Protein backbone atom coordinates (compact mmCIF):
# COMPACT_ATOMS: atom_id res chain seq x y z
CA UNK A 1 66.87 148.74 130.57
CA UNK A 2 67.49 145.72 128.29
CA UNK A 3 63.71 145.01 128.01
CA UNK A 4 63.05 148.63 126.94
CA UNK A 5 65.72 148.27 124.17
CA UNK A 6 64.34 144.93 123.00
CA UNK A 7 60.83 146.51 122.95
CA UNK A 8 62.06 149.47 120.95
CA UNK A 9 63.82 147.17 118.44
CA UNK A 10 60.66 145.07 118.08
CA UNK A 11 58.57 148.27 117.45
CA UNK A 12 61.03 149.59 114.92
CA UNK A 13 61.12 146.31 113.15
CA UNK A 14 57.37 146.03 113.11
CA UNK A 15 57.01 149.66 111.87
CA UNK A 16 59.39 149.02 108.96
CA UNK A 17 57.56 145.79 107.96
CA UNK A 18 54.19 147.45 108.16
CA UNK A 19 55.18 150.46 106.11
CA UNK A 20 56.69 148.13 103.51
CA UNK A 21 53.68 145.94 103.23
CA UNK A 22 51.48 148.91 102.93
CA UNK A 23 53.66 150.39 100.13
CA UNK A 24 53.96 147.03 98.32
CA UNK A 25 50.07 146.57 98.42
CA UNK A 26 49.50 150.01 97.03
CA UNK A 27 52.37 150.39 94.50
CA UNK A 28 53.71 146.80 93.79
CA UNK A 29 56.61 145.20 95.24
CA UNK A 30 59.12 145.95 92.40
CA UNK A 31 58.15 149.65 92.23
CA UNK A 32 59.02 150.38 95.83
CA UNK A 33 62.56 151.08 96.89
CA UNK A 34 64.18 150.43 100.32
CA UNK A 35 64.57 154.28 100.71
CA UNK A 36 60.86 154.77 100.22
CA UNK A 37 60.04 152.07 102.85
CA UNK A 38 62.54 153.75 105.29
CA UNK A 39 61.04 157.09 104.80
CA UNK A 40 57.51 155.81 105.34
CA UNK A 41 58.63 154.03 108.45
CA UNK A 42 60.37 157.13 109.71
CA UNK A 43 63.88 155.64 109.84
CA UNK A 44 67.01 156.00 107.61
CA UNK A 45 67.83 153.43 104.90
CA UNK A 46 70.81 152.43 107.06
CA UNK A 47 68.40 151.56 109.89
CA UNK A 48 66.26 149.51 107.45
CA UNK A 49 69.41 147.41 106.69
CA UNK A 50 70.15 146.95 110.33
CA UNK A 51 66.79 145.13 110.69
CA UNK A 52 66.44 143.56 107.26
CA UNK A 53 69.49 142.60 105.21
CA UNK A 54 67.62 142.80 101.95
CA UNK A 55 64.37 144.20 100.61
CA UNK A 56 63.12 140.64 100.25
CA UNK A 57 63.73 139.98 103.97
CA UNK A 58 61.24 142.69 104.90
CA UNK A 59 58.56 140.34 103.46
CA UNK A 60 60.21 136.91 104.12
CA UNK A 61 61.32 137.50 107.75
CA UNK A 62 59.13 136.44 110.58
CA UNK A 63 59.31 134.78 113.97
CA UNK A 64 57.20 131.79 113.12
CA UNK A 65 59.96 129.13 112.79
CA UNK A 66 61.27 129.68 116.25
CA UNK A 67 57.77 129.83 117.65
CA UNK A 68 56.95 126.48 115.91
CA UNK A 69 60.24 124.96 117.00
CA UNK A 70 59.57 125.82 120.58
CA UNK A 71 56.15 124.27 120.71
CA UNK A 72 57.18 121.12 118.72
CA UNK A 73 60.14 120.65 120.92
CA UNK A 74 57.89 120.76 124.07
CA UNK A 75 55.77 117.96 122.74
CA UNK A 76 56.39 114.41 123.96
CA UNK A 77 54.43 112.32 121.53
CA UNK A 78 56.45 109.45 119.92
CA UNK A 79 54.77 109.95 116.43
CA UNK A 80 56.84 112.78 114.89
CA UNK A 81 54.01 113.92 112.67
CA UNK A 82 51.72 114.19 115.67
CA UNK A 83 54.44 116.17 117.50
CA UNK A 84 54.58 118.65 114.71
CA UNK A 85 50.74 118.82 114.32
CA UNK A 86 50.15 119.50 118.04
CA UNK A 87 53.10 121.81 118.36
CA UNK A 88 51.89 123.95 115.49
CA UNK A 89 48.42 123.95 116.95
CA UNK A 90 49.89 125.34 120.19
CA UNK A 91 51.88 127.84 118.27
CA UNK A 92 48.80 129.15 116.58
CA UNK A 93 47.30 130.11 119.95
CA UNK A 94 49.88 132.89 119.91
CA UNK A 95 48.60 134.39 116.67
CA UNK A 96 45.60 136.78 116.72
CA UNK A 97 43.43 137.67 113.69
CA UNK A 98 45.71 140.76 112.92
CA UNK A 99 48.82 138.46 112.84
CA UNK A 100 47.03 136.04 110.51
CA UNK A 101 45.95 138.91 108.24
CA UNK A 102 49.61 140.08 107.98
CA UNK A 103 50.67 136.46 107.26
CA UNK A 104 48.15 136.25 104.49
CA UNK A 105 49.24 139.56 102.95
CA UNK A 106 52.98 138.55 103.18
CA UNK A 107 52.14 135.06 101.54
CA UNK A 108 50.17 136.62 98.65
CA UNK A 109 53.08 139.05 98.09
CA UNK A 110 55.61 136.22 98.09
CA UNK A 111 53.46 134.31 95.51
CA UNK A 112 53.05 137.41 93.25
CA UNK A 113 56.63 138.79 93.03
CA UNK A 114 59.14 136.65 91.12
CA UNK A 115 62.13 137.84 93.19
CA UNK A 116 60.28 136.77 96.42
CA UNK A 117 59.20 133.37 94.94
CA UNK A 118 62.86 132.62 94.26
CA UNK A 119 63.63 133.16 97.89
CA UNK A 120 60.64 131.14 99.15
CA UNK A 121 62.58 127.82 98.49
CA UNK A 122 65.30 129.00 100.85
CA UNK A 123 62.71 129.70 103.66
CA UNK A 124 61.08 126.27 103.10
CA UNK A 125 64.52 124.50 103.25
CA UNK A 126 65.34 126.40 106.50
CA UNK A 127 61.98 125.36 108.01
CA UNK A 128 62.61 121.78 107.04
CA UNK A 129 66.08 121.81 108.57
CA UNK A 130 64.72 123.32 111.70
CA UNK A 131 62.03 120.60 112.01
CA UNK A 132 64.63 117.85 111.37
CA UNK A 133 66.80 119.18 114.32
CA UNK A 134 63.78 119.55 116.60
CA UNK A 135 62.44 116.09 115.82
CA UNK A 136 65.83 114.39 115.99
CA UNK A 137 67.50 116.47 118.68
CA UNK A 138 69.98 119.33 118.17
CA UNK A 139 72.96 117.31 119.47
CA UNK A 140 73.46 115.15 116.37
CA UNK A 141 75.01 116.09 113.10
CA UNK A 142 73.54 113.10 111.18
CA UNK A 143 69.87 113.26 110.78
CA UNK A 144 68.22 109.82 109.83
CA UNK A 145 66.53 109.63 106.50
CA UNK A 146 63.17 108.86 108.18
CA UNK A 147 63.40 112.16 110.26
CA UNK A 148 64.26 114.13 107.15
CA UNK A 149 61.34 112.59 105.24
CA UNK A 150 58.91 113.43 108.00
CA UNK A 151 60.31 117.00 108.23
CA UNK A 152 60.05 117.39 104.52
CA UNK A 153 56.49 116.09 104.44
CA UNK A 154 55.36 118.37 107.21
CA UNK A 155 57.05 121.34 105.57
CA UNK A 156 55.43 120.61 102.27
CA UNK A 157 52.00 120.23 103.88
CA UNK A 158 52.48 123.44 105.84
CA UNK A 159 53.53 125.29 102.64
CA UNK A 160 50.70 123.94 100.55
CA UNK A 161 48.16 124.65 103.16
CA UNK A 162 49.31 128.23 103.79
CA UNK A 163 49.37 128.92 100.14
CA UNK A 164 45.83 127.54 99.74
CA UNK A 165 44.63 129.48 102.74
CA UNK A 166 46.15 132.67 101.44
CA UNK A 167 44.48 132.38 98.03
CA UNK A 168 41.10 130.96 99.13
CA UNK A 169 40.46 130.68 102.84
CA UNK A 170 39.00 132.92 105.52
CA UNK A 171 41.76 134.47 107.78
CA UNK A 172 40.59 132.56 110.89
CA UNK A 173 40.56 129.21 109.17
CA UNK A 174 44.46 128.70 108.89
CA UNK A 175 44.89 126.81 112.24
CA UNK A 176 42.09 124.29 111.44
CA UNK A 177 43.31 123.88 107.78
CA UNK A 178 46.88 123.19 109.01
CA UNK A 179 45.61 120.69 111.61
CA UNK A 180 43.55 118.91 108.94
CA UNK A 181 46.22 118.71 106.39
CA UNK A 182 48.89 117.47 108.88
CA UNK A 183 46.38 114.93 110.14
CA UNK A 184 46.31 113.54 106.65
CA UNK A 185 49.90 112.44 106.99
CA UNK A 186 49.04 110.05 109.80
CA UNK A 187 48.60 106.40 108.86
CA UNK A 188 45.01 105.20 108.62
CA UNK A 189 43.76 103.39 111.69
CA UNK A 190 42.93 99.76 111.08
């Protein structure tokens, strides 16, 4: 029974996000209300807020950070950049062309709407903190500066690459672009 409920919640969440992205693409982010999104998704505005605390969250929320964390955490490489690079590469195997197309649409929307750009920094900071914990271990409160620097560099590379890809690249190229960009953080071989 619990699996059925989780599936229903996931379907409802996806329907709300899909309706929102469609409306935002057709009418502009600032012109669409939560009530309009809820109506298009076939739910009440109260249900909308059960799934997304704010209108911005319907664009900004995704499951990518936990997916990346799981795969980076499973890696055993001693080089932290390599752990992140290979973990992200594994995470990308779970994303199909449709998921990448939605990621592109969401990224372009984030870049175009000032209210979303303001929240983008919060998302980047959360991703960086997550990578810090995964790379150092969740048991410690004090993250060494070197670990913070690696997490910050990887987050910056990931953000820059996703932005470049959303603006210029073909949908299927994101995994290889991220891999190439993260590889650039490795020290040159002598």
